[in-house]
Amino acid sequence: MDEDDRARLAEFVANRTPAMMRVAYLLTGDRYAAEDLFQSALAKTIPKWRTLRHADPEGYLRAVMYGEQVSWWRRLRRRRETTLTGADEAVQPDPSAGIEVRLAMRAALRRLPPAQRTVLVLRYYEDLTETQVADVLGCSIGTVRSRTHRAVSRLRQLLPDVELLEVRL
């Protein structure tokens, strides 16, 4: 990688890391797992950086993150990792309006299975179509629809007083 590519990569990482970390957090539901997901995806993206010169590097990085997350939750079915209770750092409150609803939504999303959470993030946060989500996850459109339906139904059970369409993640 020449100096121009390194500079371009450094600028991309500096400018897009906050947005990519938000997506990673929404996919994983955990700050530390989000950091791992982002770093893993970035490590797979860097060797391809020269070929991404004229393409969309952010789109490529997002696709790698989605693929990594799908692989992780598929492996998770076979082997569970034990987390330490109390190991999470204190969450800083968000000063924006509606924080209670956002926190309730975040907690509800964390209670969803990873596959359902991933479909919701892709459909409603990333605003992908059902076809695009099916392509990213490597499943059928029917699977995307059923996971979306189950996830939204579960969120309505967990948050009966919240209008789901008005919540911003």
C-alpha atoms as a PDB file:
ATOM      1  CA  MET A   1       0.000   0.000   0.000  1.00  0.00           C
ATOM      2  CA  ASP A   2       1.489   3.338  -1.036  1.00  0.00           C
ATOM      3  CA  GLU A   3       1.391   6.572   0.973  1.00  0.00           C
ATOM      4  CA  ASP A   4      -1.640   7.910  -0.886  1.00  0.00           C
ATOM      5  CA  ASP A   5      -3.651   4.774  -0.067  1.00  0.00           C
ATOM      6  CA  ARG A   6      -2.526   4.916   3.580  1.00  0.00           C
ATOM      7  CA  ALA A   7      -3.581   8.544   3.868  1.00  0.00           C
ATOM      8  CA  ARG A   8      -6.938   7.780   2.266  1.00  0.00           C
ATOM      9  CA  LEU A   9      -7.456   4.833   4.605  1.00  0.00           C
ATOM     10  CA  ALA A  10      -6.527   6.899   7.678  1.00  0.00           C
ATOM     11  CA  GLU A  11      -8.953   9.642   6.627  1.00  0.00           C
ATOM     12  CA  PHE A  12     -11.739   7.116   6.009  1.00  0.00           C
ATOM     13  CA  VAL A  13     -11.232   5.446   9.404  1.00  0.00           C
ATOM     14  CA  ALA A  14     -11.084   8.794  11.221  1.00  0.00           C
ATOM     15  CA  ASN A  15     -14.262  10.089   9.561  1.00  0.00           C
ATOM     16  CA  ARG A  16     -16.443   6.959   9.466  1.00  0.00           C
ATOM     17  CA  THR A  17     -15.562   5.107  12.682  1.00  0.00           C
ATOM     18  CA  PRO A  18     -18.361   6.672  14.806  1.00  0.00           C
ATOM     19  CA  ALA A  19     -21.045   5.742  12.270  1.00  0.00           C
ATOM     20  CA  MET A  20     -19.639   2.245  11.758  1.00  0.00           C
ATOM     21  CA  MET A  21     -19.440   1.703  15.533  1.00  0.00           C
ATOM     22  CA  ARG A  22     -23.127   2.664  15.869  1.00  0.00           C
ATOM     23  CA  VAL A  23     -24.046   0.065  13.268  1.00  0.00           C
ATOM     24  CA  ALA A  24     -21.825  -2.522  14.962  1.00  0.00           C
ATOM     25  CA  TYR A  25     -23.430  -1.768  18.328  1.00  0.00           C
ATOM     26  CA  LEU A  26     -26.920  -2.132  16.893  1.00  0.00           C
ATOM     27  CA  LEU A  27     -25.958  -5.461  15.368  1.00  0.00           C
ATOM     28  CA  THR A  28     -24.339  -6.873  18.509  1.00  0.00           C
ATOM     29  CA  GLY A  29     -26.113  -5.119  21.360  1.00  0.00           C
ATOM     30  CA  ASP A  30     -22.838  -4.898  23.283  1.00  0.00           C
ATOM     31  CA  ARG A  31     -20.144  -2.227  23.221  1.00  0.00           C
ATOM     32  CA  TYR A  32     -17.224  -4.625  23.426  1.00  0.00           C
ATOM     33  CA  ALA A  33     -18.633  -7.026  20.866  1.00  0.00           C
ATOM     34  CA  ALA A  34     -19.260  -4.022  18.592  1.00  0.00           C
ATOM     35  CA  GLU A  35     -15.619  -2.998  18.891  1.00  0.00           C
ATOM     36  CA  ASP A  36     -14.546  -6.553  18.067  1.00  0.00           C
ATOM     37  CA  LEU A  37     -16.918  -6.707  15.100  1.00  0.00           C
ATOM     38  CA  PHE A  38     -15.710  -3.373  13.703  1.00  0.00           C
ATOM     39  CA  GLN A  39     -12.042  -4.267  14.139  1.00  0.00           C
ATOM     40  CA  SER A  40     -12.520  -7.681  12.563  1.00  0.00           C
ATOM     41  CA  ALA A  41     -14.346  -6.173   9.575  1.00  0.00           C
ATOM     42  CA  LEU A  42     -11.719  -3.448   9.212  1.00  0.00           C
ATOM     43  CA  ALA A  43      -8.945  -6.045   9.309  1.00  0.00           C
ATOM     44  CA  LYS A  44     -10.626  -7.857   6.409  1.00  0.00           C
ATOM     45  CA  THR A  45     -11.188  -4.615   4.510  1.00  0.00           C
ATOM     46  CA  ILE A  46      -7.636  -3.222   4.696  1.00  0.00           C
ATOM     47  CA  PRO A  47      -6.054  -5.847   2.394  1.00  0.00           C
ATOM     48  CA  LYS A  48      -8.678  -4.970  -0.250  1.00  0.00           C
ATOM     49  CA  TRP A  49      -8.166  -1.226   0.135  1.00  0.00           C
ATOM     50  CA  ARG A  50      -6.345  -0.728  -3.199  1.00  0.00           C
ATOM     51  CA  THR A  51      -9.188  -2.366  -5.114  1.00  0.00           C
ATOM     52  CA  LEU A  52     -11.707  -0.185  -3.265  1.00  0.00           C
ATOM     53  CA  ARG A  53     -10.056   2.995  -4.565  1.00  0.00           C
ATOM     54  CA  HIS A  54     -12.927   3.768  -6.967  1.00  0.00           C
ATOM     55  CA  ALA A  55     -15.628   1.765  -5.236  1.00  0.00           C
ATOM     56  CA  ASP A  56     -17.620   2.378  -2.070  1.00  0.00           C
ATOM     57  CA  PRO A  57     -15.332   1.444   0.839  1.00  0.00           C
ATOM     58  CA  GLU A  58     -18.032   2.147   3.435  1.00  0.00           C
ATOM     59  CA  GLY A  59     -20.475  -0.161   1.676  1.00  0.00           C
ATOM     60  CA  TYR A  60     -17.834  -2.856   1.487  1.00  0.00           C
ATOM     61  CA  LEU A  61     -16.993  -2.459   5.185  1.00  0.00           C
ATOM     62  CA  ARG A  62     -20.696  -2.646   6.109  1.00  0.00           C
ATOM     63  CA  ALA A  63     -21.124  -5.804   4.047  1.00  0.00           C
ATOM     64  CA  VAL A  64     -18.116  -7.381   5.782  1.00  0.00           C
ATOM     65  CA  MET A  65     -19.567  -6.386   9.175  1.00  0.00           C
ATOM     66  CA  TYR A  66     -22.924  -7.965   8.320  1.00  0.00           C
ATOM     67  CA  GLY A  67     -21.233 -11.141   7.141  1.00  0.00           C
ATOM     68  CA  GLU A  68     -19.069 -11.299  10.268  1.00  0.00           C
ATOM     69  CA  GLN A  69     -22.103 -10.797  12.517  1.00  0.00           C
ATOM     70  CA  VAL A  70     -24.047 -13.528  10.730  1.00  0.00           C
ATOM     71  CA  SER A  71     -21.077 -15.872  11.172  1.00  0.00           C
ATOM     72  CA  TRP A  72     -20.794 -14.965  14.844  1.00  0.00           C
ATOM     73  CA  TRP A  73     -24.437 -15.646  15.666  1.00  0.00           C
ATOM     74  CA  ARG A  74     -24.339 -18.900  13.724  1.00  0.00           C
ATOM     75  CA  ARG A  75     -21.320 -19.991  15.784  1.00  0.00           C
ATOM     76  CA  LEU A  76     -23.074 -18.744  18.918  1.00  0.00           C
ATOM     77  CA  ARG A  77     -25.756 -21.370  18.430  1.00  0.00           C
ATOM     78  CA  ARG A  78     -23.100 -24.028  18.790  1.00  0.00           C
ATOM     79  CA  ARG A  79     -21.048 -22.467  21.575  1.00  0.00           C
ATOM     80  CA  ARG A  80     -22.061 -19.887  24.164  1.00  0.00           C
ATOM     81  CA  GLU A  81     -19.565 -17.445  25.651  1.00  0.00           C
ATOM     82  CA  THR A  82     -19.869 -16.697  29.346  1.00  0.00           C
ATOM     83  CA  THR A  83     -19.873 -13.022  30.212  1.00  0.00           C
ATOM     84  CA  LEU A  84     -18.905 -11.624  33.555  1.00  0.00           C
ATOM     85  CA  THR A  85     -21.654  -9.799  35.406  1.00  0.00           C
ATOM     86  CA  GLY A  86     -20.780  -6.285  36.398  1.00  0.00           C
ATOM     87  CA  ALA A  87     -17.972  -6.091  33.838  1.00  0.00           C
ATOM     88  CA  ASP A  88     -19.769  -3.504  31.708  1.00  0.00           C
ATOM     89  CA  GLU A  89     -18.843   0.099  32.214  1.00  0.00           C
ATOM     90  CA  ALA A  90     -21.545   2.510  33.324  1.00  0.00           C
ATOM     91  CA  VAL A  91     -23.617   3.757  30.395  1.00  0.00           C
ATOM     92  CA  GLN A  92     -23.503   7.514  30.006  1.00  0.00           C
ATOM     93  CA  PRO A  93     -27.001   8.973  29.689  1.00  0.00           C
ATOM     94  CA  ASP A  94     -27.912  10.527  26.349  1.00  0.00           C
ATOM     95  CA  PRO A  95     -28.861  14.188  26.837  1.00  0.00           C
ATOM     96  CA  SER A  96     -31.317  14.185  23.917  1.00  0.00           C
ATOM     97  CA  ALA A  97     -35.081  14.107  24.280  1.00  0.00           C
ATOM     98  CA  GLY A  98     -36.826  10.784  24.721  1.00  0.00           C
ATOM     99  CA  ILE A  99     -33.951   9.051  26.425  1.00  0.00           C
ATOM    100  CA  GLU A 100     -36.243   6.812  28.456  1.00  0.00           C
ATOM    101  CA  VAL A 101     -37.854   5.421  25.327  1.00  0.00           C
ATOM    102  CA  ARG A 102     -34.493   4.983  23.609  1.00  0.00           C
ATOM    103  CA  LEU A 103     -33.075   3.130  26.589  1.00  0.00           C
ATOM    104  CA  ALA A 104     -36.155   0.946  26.818  1.00  0.00           C
ATOM    105  CA  MET A 105     -35.833   0.190  23.099  1.00  0.00           C
ATOM    106  CA  ARG A 106     -32.139  -0.613  23.467  1.00  0.00           C
ATOM    107  CA  ALA A 107     -32.888  -3.007  26.332  1.00  0.00           C
ATOM    108  CA  ALA A 108     -35.696  -4.616  24.349  1.00  0.00           C
ATOM    109  CA  LEU A 109     -33.451  -5.034  21.293  1.00  0.00           C
ATOM    110  CA  ARG A 110     -30.832  -6.741  23.454  1.00  0.00           C
ATOM    111  CA  ARG A 111     -33.461  -9.271  24.516  1.00  0.00           C
ATOM    112  CA  LEU A 112     -34.126 -10.299  20.913  1.00  0.00           C
ATOM    113  CA  PRO A 113     -32.234 -13.214  19.400  1.00  0.00           C
ATOM    114  CA  PRO A 114     -29.252 -12.071  17.299  1.00  0.00           C
ATOM    115  CA  ALA A 115     -30.871 -13.078  14.007  1.00  0.00           C
ATOM    116  CA  GLN A 116     -33.983 -10.995  14.682  1.00  0.00           C
ATOM    117  CA  ARG A 117     -31.936  -8.032  15.916  1.00  0.00           C
ATOM    118  CA  THR A 118     -29.782  -8.176  12.789  1.00  0.00           C
ATOM    119  CA  VAL A 119     -32.828  -8.165  10.501  1.00  0.00           C
ATOM    120  CA  LEU A 120     -34.297  -5.151  12.322  1.00  0.00           C
ATOM    121  CA  VAL A 121     -31.031  -3.220  12.090  1.00  0.00           C
ATOM    122  CA  LEU A 122     -30.719  -3.930   8.379  1.00  0.00           C
ATOM    123  CA  ARG A 123     -34.381  -3.188   7.604  1.00  0.00           C
ATOM    124  CA  TYR A 124     -35.049  -0.156   9.777  1.00  0.00           C
ATOM    125  CA  TYR A 125     -31.698   1.387  10.685  1.00  0.00           C
ATOM    126  CA  GLU A 126     -29.872   0.728   7.426  1.00  0.00           C
ATOM    127  CA  ASP A 127     -33.156   1.054   5.462  1.00  0.00           C
ATOM    128  CA  LEU A 128     -32.472  -1.938   3.225  1.00  0.00           C
ATOM    129  CA  THR A 129     -35.223  -3.682   1.299  1.00  0.00           C
ATOM    130  CA  GLU A 130     -36.245  -7.234   2.162  1.00  0.00           C
ATOM    131  CA  THR A 131     -34.408  -8.444  -0.941  1.00  0.00           C
ATOM    132  CA  GLN A 132     -31.219  -6.633   0.048  1.00  0.00           C
ATOM    133  CA  VAL A 133     -31.418  -8.013   3.601  1.00  0.00           C
ATOM    134  CA  ALA A 134     -31.908 -11.526   2.236  1.00  0.00           C
ATOM    135  CA  ASP A 135     -28.835 -11.077   0.028  1.00  0.00           C
ATOM    136  CA  VAL A 136     -26.720  -9.762   2.915  1.00  0.00           C
ATOM    137  CA  LEU A 137     -27.763 -12.553   5.275  1.00  0.00           C
ATOM    138  CA  GLY A 138     -27.750 -15.286   2.657  1.00  0.00           C
ATOM    139  CA  CYS A 139     -31.323 -16.374   3.345  1.00  0.00           C
ATOM    140  CA  SER A 140     -34.695 -16.217   1.621  1.00  0.00           C
ATOM    141  CA  ILE A 141     -37.023 -13.224   1.580  1.00  0.00           C
ATOM    142  CA  GLY A 142     -39.560 -15.328   3.485  1.00  0.00           C
ATOM    143  CA  THR A 143     -37.025 -15.828   6.269  1.00  0.00           C
ATOM    144  CA  VAL A 144     -36.420 -12.072   6.413  1.00  0.00           C
ATOM    145  CA  ARG A 145     -40.169 -11.433   6.599  1.00  0.00           C
ATOM    146  CA  SER A 146     -40.792 -14.006   9.306  1.00  0.00           C
ATOM    147  CA  ARG A 147     -37.841 -12.809  11.419  1.00  0.00           C
ATOM    148  CA  THR A 148     -38.980  -9.207  11.027  1.00  0.00           C
ATOM    149  CA  HIS A 149     -42.540 -10.121  12.000  1.00  0.00           C
ATOM    150  CA  ARG A 150     -41.405 -12.092  15.056  1.00  0.00           C
ATOM    151  CA  ALA A 151     -38.989  -9.350  16.123  1.00  0.00           C
ATOM    152  CA  VAL A 152     -41.553  -6.551  15.828  1.00  0.00           C
ATOM    153  CA  SER A 153     -44.159  -8.676  17.626  1.00  0.00           C
ATOM    154  CA  ARG A 154     -41.700  -9.357  20.441  1.00  0.00           C
ATOM    155  CA  LEU A 155     -40.800  -5.659  20.690  1.00  0.00           C
ATOM    156  CA  ARG A 156     -44.504  -4.824  20.956  1.00  0.00           C
ATOM    157  CA  GLN A 157     -44.800  -7.318  23.821  1.00  0.00           C
ATOM    158  CA  LEU A 158     -41.747  -5.875  25.575  1.00  0.00           C
ATOM    159  CA  LEU A 159     -42.727  -2.234  24.965  1.00  0.00           C
ATOM    160  CA  PRO A 160     -46.553  -2.081  24.905  1.00  0.00           C
ATOM    161  CA  ASP A 161     -46.701   1.684  25.565  1.00  0.00           C
ATOM    162  CA  VAL A 162     -44.213   2.708  22.870  1.00  0.00           C
ATOM    163  CA  GLU A 163     -45.137   3.553  19.302  1.00  0.00           C
ATOM    164  CA  LEU A 164     -42.371   1.628  17.501  1.00  0.00           C
ATOM    165  CA  LEU A 165     -42.415   3.682  14.324  1.00  0.00           C
ATOM    166  CA  GLU A 166     -41.513   6.886  16.189  1.00  0.00           C
ATOM    167  CA  VAL A 167     -38.490   5.506  18.046  1.00  0.00           C
ATOM    168  CA  ARG A 168     -35.069   6.500  16.733  1.00  0.00           C
ATOM    169  CA  LEU A 169     -32.283   4.124  17.650  1.00  0.00           C
END
